[in-house]
């Protein structure tokens, strides 16, 4: 009993000592701690003000501007969509003026696709590379479209690299088979036949219902025949 009481007293002394040390630390560093707390308050308040009084209004304006450009994009008026006119901004200006917004980021995607279809492949690569998204469709299309641009520039090695990036770890049945087939065709043309068979076979095994799977056996047979010749 005496031993237990002694242990309790020792714990109490230890806790008291720690509290005393903590109080001493606070007292000795009161000015520094006050400054740190003040900076944290300013940072949180500044972030709140930045988001609510700058980013939100900016995002609203960006959404209004990109909507006009999207209308021209849907009508295949690509030059107007990408460059705008004196009355409205095109995707390039929106991407530049509203770079801090989601709409500005999306404008990079649209500008890249416009340039790809206009045959301005270097510009397509530049803007598509700026686009950043976790969207399972847009992210694949953007990366795959960079591959398309490199292919048009007669740079098959780079094209294959981006097709591979586009399909790596992705499972979206709407777009992945499309770029898998492109990757397979380029790999086959570059005599990377094992890669070609791998991509074709993935279409057959993972995307049986896709349009690309309809004649994929022909592609597999072609690549395998070259391997065995």
C-alpha atoms as a PDB file:
ATOM      1  CA  UNK A   1       0.000   0.000   0.000  1.00  0.00           C
ATOM      2  CA  UNK A   2       2.840   2.348   0.936  1.00  0.00           C
ATOM      3  CA  UNK A   3       4.628   1.422  -2.303  1.00  0.00           C
ATOM      4  CA  UNK A   4       1.528   2.248  -4.368  1.00  0.00           C
ATOM      5  CA  UNK A   5       1.117   5.589  -2.583  1.00  0.00           C
ATOM      6  CA  UNK A   6       4.752   6.411  -3.232  1.00  0.00           C
ATOM      7  CA  UNK A   7       4.316   5.622  -6.948  1.00  0.00           C
ATOM      8  CA  UNK A   8       1.258   7.870  -7.130  1.00  0.00           C
ATOM      9  CA  UNK A   9       3.170  10.677  -5.452  1.00  0.00           C
ATOM     10  CA  UNK A  10       6.040  10.243  -7.922  1.00  0.00           C
ATOM     11  CA  UNK A  11       3.632  10.429 -10.885  1.00  0.00           C
ATOM     12  CA  UNK A  12       2.017  13.545  -9.411  1.00  0.00           C
ATOM     13  CA  UNK A  13       5.415  15.165  -8.934  1.00  0.00           C
ATOM     14  CA  UNK A  14       6.382  14.252 -12.513  1.00  0.00           C
ATOM     15  CA  UNK A  15       3.166  15.696 -13.982  1.00  0.00           C
ATOM     16  CA  UNK A  16       3.519  18.837 -11.873  1.00  0.00           C
ATOM     17  CA  UNK A  17       7.109  19.217 -13.009  1.00  0.00           C
ATOM     18  CA  UNK A  18       6.087  18.883 -16.662  1.00  0.00           C
ATOM     19  CA  UNK A  19       3.312  21.449 -16.226  1.00  0.00           C
ATOM     20  CA  UNK A  20       5.766  23.807 -14.570  1.00  0.00           C
ATOM     21  CA  UNK A  21       8.237  23.347 -17.414  1.00  0.00           C
ATOM     22  CA  UNK A  22       5.498  23.947 -19.992  1.00  0.00           C
ATOM     23  CA  UNK A  23       4.378  27.104 -18.218  1.00  0.00           C
ATOM     24  CA  UNK A  24       7.983  28.261 -18.074  1.00  0.00           C
ATOM     25  CA  UNK A  25       8.423  27.601 -21.793  1.00  0.00           C
ATOM     26  CA  UNK A  26       5.238  29.554 -22.630  1.00  0.00           C
ATOM     27  CA  UNK A  27       6.327  32.435 -20.427  1.00  0.00           C
ATOM     28  CA  UNK A  28       9.819  32.570 -21.924  1.00  0.00           C
ATOM     29  CA  UNK A  29       8.545  32.301 -25.498  1.00  0.00           C
ATOM     30  CA  UNK A  30       5.321  34.276 -25.179  1.00  0.00           C
ATOM     31  CA  UNK A  31       6.312  36.839 -27.797  1.00  0.00           C
ATOM     32  CA  UNK A  32       7.399  34.218 -30.347  1.00  0.00           C
ATOM     33  CA  UNK A  33       4.293  32.105 -29.767  1.00  0.00           C
ATOM     34  CA  UNK A  34       2.059  35.160 -30.126  1.00  0.00           C
ATOM     35  CA  UNK A  35       3.788  35.983 -33.415  1.00  0.00           C
ATOM     36  CA  UNK A  36       3.371  32.403 -34.695  1.00  0.00           C
ATOM     37  CA  UNK A  37      -0.331  32.358 -33.801  1.00  0.00           C
ATOM     38  CA  UNK A  38      -0.762  35.757 -35.452  1.00  0.00           C
ATOM     39  CA  UNK A  39       0.910  34.562 -38.647  1.00  0.00           C
ATOM     40  CA  UNK A  40      -1.293  31.442 -38.724  1.00  0.00           C
ATOM     41  CA  UNK A  41      -4.418  33.574 -38.298  1.00  0.00           C
ATOM     42  CA  UNK A  42      -3.260  35.861 -41.115  1.00  0.00           C
ATOM     43  CA  UNK A  43      -2.508  32.885 -43.375  1.00  0.00           C
ATOM     44  CA  UNK A  44      -5.900  31.256 -42.774  1.00  0.00           C
ATOM     45  CA  UNK A  45      -7.697  34.569 -43.134  1.00  0.00           C
ATOM     46  CA  UNK A  46      -5.709  35.438 -46.245  1.00  0.00           C
ATOM     47  CA  UNK A  47      -6.465  32.098 -47.848  1.00  0.00           C
ATOM     48  CA  UNK A  48     -10.166  32.499 -47.064  1.00  0.00           C
ATOM     49  CA  UNK A  49     -10.196  36.013 -48.532  1.00  0.00           C
ATOM     50  CA  UNK A  50      -8.235  34.871 -51.609  1.00  0.00           C
ATOM     51  CA  UNK A  51     -10.660  32.027 -52.294  1.00  0.00           C
ATOM     52  CA  UNK A  52     -13.859  33.962 -51.644  1.00  0.00           C
ATOM     53  CA  UNK A  53     -13.070  37.451 -52.867  1.00  0.00           C
ATOM     54  CA  UNK A  54     -10.681  36.712 -55.720  1.00  0.00           C
ATOM     55  CA  UNK A  55     -10.884  33.131 -57.007  1.00  0.00           C
ATOM     56  CA  UNK A  56     -14.680  32.727 -56.878  1.00  0.00           C
ATOM     57  CA  UNK A  57     -15.464  35.939 -58.832  1.00  0.00           C
ATOM     58  CA  UNK A  58     -12.606  35.135 -61.225  1.00  0.00           C
ATOM     59  CA  UNK A  59     -13.973  31.616 -61.749  1.00  0.00           C
ATOM     60  CA  UNK A  60     -17.406  33.037 -62.503  1.00  0.00           C
ATOM     61  CA  UNK A  61     -16.020  35.371 -65.168  1.00  0.00           C
ATOM     62  CA  UNK A  62     -13.904  32.555 -66.599  1.00  0.00           C
ATOM     63  CA  UNK A  63     -16.946  30.280 -66.865  1.00  0.00           C
ATOM     64  CA  UNK A  64     -18.841  32.997 -68.732  1.00  0.00           C
ATOM     65  CA  UNK A  65     -15.987  33.526 -71.188  1.00  0.00           C
ATOM     66  CA  UNK A  66     -15.264  29.861 -71.798  1.00  0.00           C
ATOM     67  CA  UNK A  67     -18.956  29.194 -72.475  1.00  0.00           C
ATOM     68  CA  UNK A  68     -18.836  31.514 -75.503  1.00  0.00           C
ATOM     69  CA  UNK A  69     -15.682  29.861 -76.824  1.00  0.00           C
ATOM     70  CA  UNK A  70     -17.206  26.404 -76.317  1.00  0.00           C
ATOM     71  CA  UNK A  71     -20.162  27.393 -78.490  1.00  0.00           C
ATOM     72  CA  UNK A  72     -17.817  28.123 -81.396  1.00  0.00           C
ATOM     73  CA  UNK A  73     -15.931  24.893 -80.708  1.00  0.00           C
ATOM     74  CA  UNK A  74     -19.164  22.905 -80.977  1.00  0.00           C
ATOM     75  CA  UNK A  75     -19.881  24.608 -84.323  1.00  0.00           C
ATOM     76  CA  UNK A  76     -16.383  23.650 -85.578  1.00  0.00           C
ATOM     77  CA  UNK A  77     -15.425  27.329 -85.799  1.00  0.00           C
ATOM     78  CA  UNK A  78     -12.025  26.404 -84.402  1.00  0.00           C
ATOM     79  CA  UNK A  79     -10.116  29.566 -85.285  1.00  0.00           C
ATOM     80  CA  UNK A  80     -12.687  31.693 -83.471  1.00  0.00           C
ATOM     81  CA  UNK A  81     -12.834  29.231 -80.585  1.00  0.00           C
ATOM     82  CA  UNK A  82      -9.078  29.226 -80.040  1.00  0.00           C
ATOM     83  CA  UNK A  83      -8.239  32.861 -80.855  1.00  0.00           C
ATOM     84  CA  UNK A  84     -11.486  34.676 -80.094  1.00  0.00           C
ATOM     85  CA  UNK A  85     -12.381  38.028 -81.624  1.00  0.00           C
ATOM     86  CA  UNK A  86     -12.713  41.620 -80.518  1.00  0.00           C
ATOM     87  CA  UNK A  87     -15.959  40.751 -78.775  1.00  0.00           C
ATOM     88  CA  UNK A  88     -14.972  37.663 -76.775  1.00  0.00           C
ATOM     89  CA  UNK A  89     -11.937  35.732 -75.594  1.00  0.00           C
ATOM     90  CA  UNK A  90     -10.745  32.527 -77.206  1.00  0.00           C
ATOM     91  CA  UNK A  91      -9.382  29.516 -75.360  1.00  0.00           C
ATOM     92  CA  UNK A  92      -5.775  30.771 -75.530  1.00  0.00           C
ATOM     93  CA  UNK A  93      -6.584  34.079 -73.844  1.00  0.00           C
ATOM     94  CA  UNK A  94      -8.860  32.371 -71.301  1.00  0.00           C
ATOM     95  CA  UNK A  95      -6.085  29.930 -70.391  1.00  0.00           C
ATOM     96  CA  UNK A  96      -3.716  32.855 -69.902  1.00  0.00           C
ATOM     97  CA  UNK A  97      -6.025  35.315 -68.135  1.00  0.00           C
ATOM     98  CA  UNK A  98      -7.696  32.773 -65.860  1.00  0.00           C
ATOM     99  CA  UNK A  99      -4.798  30.392 -65.247  1.00  0.00           C
ATOM    100  CA  UNK A 100      -5.664  30.149 -61.534  1.00  0.00           C
ATOM    101  CA  UNK A 101      -9.169  28.816 -62.251  1.00  0.00           C
ATOM    102  CA  UNK A 102     -10.669  25.489 -63.261  1.00  0.00           C
ATOM    103  CA  UNK A 103     -12.072  27.097 -66.409  1.00  0.00           C
ATOM    104  CA  UNK A 104      -8.606  28.389 -67.295  1.00  0.00           C
ATOM    105  CA  UNK A 105      -7.194  24.892 -66.921  1.00  0.00           C
ATOM    106  CA  UNK A 106      -9.978  23.471 -69.104  1.00  0.00           C
ATOM    107  CA  UNK A 107      -9.244  26.129 -71.727  1.00  0.00           C
ATOM    108  CA  UNK A 108      -5.795  24.549 -72.138  1.00  0.00           C
ATOM    109  CA  UNK A 109      -7.486  21.300 -73.123  1.00  0.00           C
ATOM    110  CA  UNK A 110      -9.799  22.961 -75.630  1.00  0.00           C
ATOM    111  CA  UNK A 111      -6.983  25.046 -77.114  1.00  0.00           C
ATOM    112  CA  UNK A 112      -4.879  21.911 -77.555  1.00  0.00           C
ATOM    113  CA  UNK A 113      -7.679  20.014 -79.288  1.00  0.00           C
ATOM    114  CA  UNK A 114      -8.372  23.018 -81.548  1.00  0.00           C
ATOM    115  CA  UNK A 115      -4.727  23.275 -82.535  1.00  0.00           C
ATOM    116  CA  UNK A 116      -4.555  19.534 -83.195  1.00  0.00           C
ATOM    117  CA  UNK A 117      -7.483  19.758 -85.606  1.00  0.00           C
ATOM    118  CA  UNK A 118      -6.046  22.902 -87.214  1.00  0.00           C
ATOM    119  CA  UNK A 119      -2.780  21.108 -87.915  1.00  0.00           C
ATOM    120  CA  UNK A 120      -0.733  23.258 -85.505  1.00  0.00           C
ATOM    121  CA  UNK A 121       0.795  20.290 -83.755  1.00  0.00           C
ATOM    122  CA  UNK A 122       3.496  22.022 -81.690  1.00  0.00           C
ATOM    123  CA  UNK A 123       0.868  24.346 -80.205  1.00  0.00           C
ATOM    124  CA  UNK A 124      -1.393  21.351 -79.576  1.00  0.00           C
ATOM    125  CA  UNK A 125       1.347  19.644 -77.569  1.00  0.00           C
ATOM    126  CA  UNK A 126       2.079  22.815 -75.606  1.00  0.00           C
ATOM    127  CA  UNK A 127      -1.497  23.430 -74.470  1.00  0.00           C
ATOM    128  CA  UNK A 128      -2.475  19.819 -73.900  1.00  0.00           C
ATOM    129  CA  UNK A 129       0.622  19.376 -71.758  1.00  0.00           C
ATOM    130  CA  UNK A 130      -0.529  22.289 -69.569  1.00  0.00           C
ATOM    131  CA  UNK A 131      -3.889  20.645 -68.931  1.00  0.00           C
ATOM    132  CA  UNK A 132      -4.125  18.855 -65.571  1.00  0.00           C
ATOM    133  CA  UNK A 133      -7.108  16.709 -64.677  1.00  0.00           C
ATOM    134  CA  UNK A 134      -8.128  13.561 -62.817  1.00  0.00           C
ATOM    135  CA  UNK A 135     -11.133  13.107 -65.091  1.00  0.00           C
ATOM    136  CA  UNK A 136     -10.945   9.501 -66.382  1.00  0.00           C
ATOM    137  CA  UNK A 137     -11.962  10.523 -69.911  1.00  0.00           C
ATOM    138  CA  UNK A 138     -10.443  13.972 -70.461  1.00  0.00           C
ATOM    139  CA  UNK A 139      -7.075  13.039 -68.960  1.00  0.00           C
ATOM    140  CA  UNK A 140      -6.779  10.050 -71.314  1.00  0.00           C
ATOM    141  CA  UNK A 141      -7.883  12.047 -74.361  1.00  0.00           C
ATOM    142  CA  UNK A 142      -5.478  14.905 -73.577  1.00  0.00           C
ATOM    143  CA  UNK A 143      -2.500  12.566 -73.197  1.00  0.00           C
ATOM    144  CA  UNK A 144      -3.502  10.471 -76.203  1.00  0.00           C
ATOM    145  CA  UNK A 145      -3.950  13.611 -78.295  1.00  0.00           C
ATOM    146  CA  UNK A 146      -0.371  14.625 -77.517  1.00  0.00           C
ATOM    147  CA  UNK A 147       0.530  11.235 -78.973  1.00  0.00           C
ATOM    148  CA  UNK A 148      -1.524  12.101 -82.078  1.00  0.00           C
ATOM    149  CA  UNK A 149       0.350  15.391 -82.456  1.00  0.00           C
ATOM    150  CA  UNK A 150       3.722  13.666 -82.227  1.00  0.00           C
ATOM    151  CA  UNK A 151       2.560  11.086 -84.764  1.00  0.00           C
ATOM    152  CA  UNK A 152       1.615  13.875 -87.181  1.00  0.00           C
ATOM    153  CA  UNK A 153       5.056  15.388 -86.624  1.00  0.00           C
ATOM    154  CA  UNK A 154       6.532  12.022 -87.662  1.00  0.00           C
ATOM    155  CA  UNK A 155       7.930  11.333 -84.222  1.00  0.00           C
ATOM    156  CA  UNK A 156       6.619   7.798 -83.607  1.00  0.00           C
ATOM    157  CA  UNK A 157       8.791   7.135 -80.556  1.00  0.00           C
ATOM    158  CA  UNK A 158       7.284  10.118 -78.709  1.00  0.00           C
ATOM    159  CA  UNK A 159       3.813   9.265 -80.010  1.00  0.00           C
ATOM    160  CA  UNK A 160       4.047   5.744 -78.611  1.00  0.00           C
ATOM    161  CA  UNK A 161       5.332   7.098 -75.293  1.00  0.00           C
ATOM    162  CA  UNK A 162       2.212   9.280 -74.885  1.00  0.00           C
ATOM    163  CA  UNK A 163      -0.184   6.565 -76.030  1.00  0.00           C
ATOM    164  CA  UNK A 164       1.358   4.323 -73.379  1.00  0.00           C
ATOM    165  CA  UNK A 165       0.908   7.057 -70.757  1.00  0.00           C
ATOM    166  CA  UNK A 166      -2.698   7.516 -71.834  1.00  0.00           C
ATOM    167  CA  UNK A 167      -3.655   3.884 -71.211  1.00  0.00           C
ATOM    168  CA  UNK A 168      -1.373   3.069 -68.277  1.00  0.00           C
ATOM    169  CA  UNK A 169      -3.519   2.002 -65.326  1.00  0.00           C
ATOM    170  CA  UNK A 170      -6.686   3.316 -66.968  1.00  0.00           C
ATOM    171  CA  UNK A 171      -9.852   1.253 -67.380  1.00  0.00           C
ATOM    172  CA  UNK A 172     -12.335   3.582 -69.063  1.00  0.00           C
ATOM    173  CA  UNK A 173     -13.941   1.490 -71.811  1.00  0.00           C
ATOM    174  CA  UNK A 174     -14.926   4.580 -73.783  1.00  0.00           C
ATOM    175  CA  UNK A 175     -11.441   5.857 -74.642  1.00  0.00           C
ATOM    176  CA  UNK A 176      -8.761   3.398 -73.487  1.00  0.00           C
ATOM    177  CA  UNK A 177      -9.284   0.778 -76.268  1.00  0.00           C
ATOM    178  CA  UNK A 178      -8.985   3.539 -78.864  1.00  0.00           C
ATOM    179  CA  UNK A 179      -5.507   4.512 -77.684  1.00  0.00           C
ATOM    180  CA  UNK A 180      -4.478   0.930 -76.980  1.00  0.00           C
ATOM    181  CA  UNK A 181      -5.062   0.146 -80.637  1.00  0.00           C
ATOM    182  CA  UNK A 182      -3.061   3.197 -81.723  1.00  0.00           C
ATOM    183  CA  UNK A 183      -0.237   2.148 -79.412  1.00  0.00           C
ATOM    184  CA  UNK A 184      -0.328  -1.344 -80.893  1.00  0.00           C
ATOM    185  CA  UNK A 185      -0.260  -0.108 -84.493  1.00  0.00           C
ATOM    186  CA  UNK A 186       2.704   2.210 -83.879  1.00  0.00           C
ATOM    187  CA  UNK A 187       4.570  -0.445 -81.888  1.00  0.00           C
ATOM    188  CA  UNK A 188       4.037  -2.879 -84.757  1.00  0.00           C
ATOM    189  CA  UNK A 189       5.311  -0.354 -87.291  1.00  0.00           C
ATOM    190  CA  UNK A 190       8.379   0.207 -85.124  1.00  0.00           C
ATOM    191  CA  UNK A 191       8.958  -3.575 -84.983  1.00  0.00           C
ATOM    192  CA  UNK A 192       8.265  -3.638 -81.250  1.00  0.00           C
ATOM    193  CA  UNK A 193       6.091  -6.656 -81.861  1.00  0.00           C
ATOM    194  CA  UNK A 194       5.832  -7.953 -78.299  1.00  0.00           C
ATOM    195  CA  UNK A 195       4.491  -4.568 -77.226  1.00  0.00           C
ATOM    196  CA  UNK A 196       2.029  -4.577 -80.104  1.00  0.00           C
ATOM    197  CA  UNK A 197       0.691  -8.019 -79.174  1.00  0.00           C
ATOM    198  CA  UNK A 198       0.416  -6.924 -75.529  1.00  0.00           C
ATOM    199  CA  UNK A 199      -1.719  -3.900 -76.409  1.00  0.00           C
ATOM    200  CA  UNK A 200      -3.910  -5.789 -78.874  1.00  0.00           C
ATOM    201  CA  UNK A 201      -4.400  -8.623 -76.378  1.00  0.00           C
ATOM    202  CA  UNK A 202      -5.401  -6.188 -73.653  1.00  0.00           C
ATOM    203  CA  UNK A 203      -8.179  -4.920 -75.909  1.00  0.00           C
ATOM    204  CA  UNK A 204      -9.364  -8.489 -76.473  1.00  0.00           C
ATOM    205  CA  UNK A 205      -9.270  -9.473 -72.796  1.00  0.00           C
ATOM    206  CA  UNK A 206     -10.344  -6.266 -71.015  1.00  0.00           C
ATOM    207  CA  UNK A 207     -12.521  -4.436 -73.549  1.00  0.00           C
ATOM    208  CA  UNK A 208     -14.415  -7.184 -75.363  1.00  0.00           C
ATOM    209  CA  UNK A 209     -17.443  -4.970 -76.009  1.00  0.00           C
ATOM    210  CA  UNK A 210     -15.467  -2.090 -77.513  1.00  0.00           C
ATOM    211  CA  UNK A 211     -15.555  -1.231 -81.190  1.00  0.00           C
ATOM    212  CA  UNK A 212     -11.794  -1.808 -81.356  1.00  0.00           C
ATOM    213  CA  UNK A 213     -12.251  -5.420 -80.226  1.00  0.00           C
ATOM    214  CA  UNK A 214     -14.337  -6.221 -83.306  1.00  0.00           C
ATOM    215  CA  UNK A 215     -11.362  -6.980 -85.556  1.00  0.00           C
ATOM    216  CA  UNK A 216      -8.586  -7.204 -82.993  1.00  0.00           C
ATOM    217  CA  UNK A 217      -7.849 -10.880 -83.759  1.00  0.00           C
ATOM    218  CA  UNK A 218      -6.629  -9.764 -87.190  1.00  0.00           C
ATOM    219  CA  UNK A 219      -4.166  -7.369 -85.591  1.00  0.00           C
ATOM    220  CA  UNK A 220      -2.958  -9.958 -83.095  1.00  0.00           C
ATOM    221  CA  UNK A 221      -2.428 -12.500 -85.872  1.00  0.00           C
ATOM    222  CA  UNK A 222      -0.500  -9.953 -87.965  1.00  0.00           C
ATOM    223  CA  UNK A 223       1.884  -9.051 -85.154  1.00  0.00           C
ATOM    224  CA  UNK A 224       2.395 -12.669 -84.110  1.00  0.00           C
ATOM    225  CA  UNK A 225       3.107 -13.697 -87.725  1.00  0.00           C
ATOM    226  CA  UNK A 226       5.839 -11.044 -87.926  1.00  0.00           C
ATOM    227  CA  UNK A 227       7.294 -12.301 -84.650  1.00  0.00           C
ATOM    228  CA  UNK A 228       7.499 -15.832 -86.006  1.00  0.00           C
ATOM    229  CA  UNK A 229       8.796 -14.956 -89.463  1.00  0.00           C
END
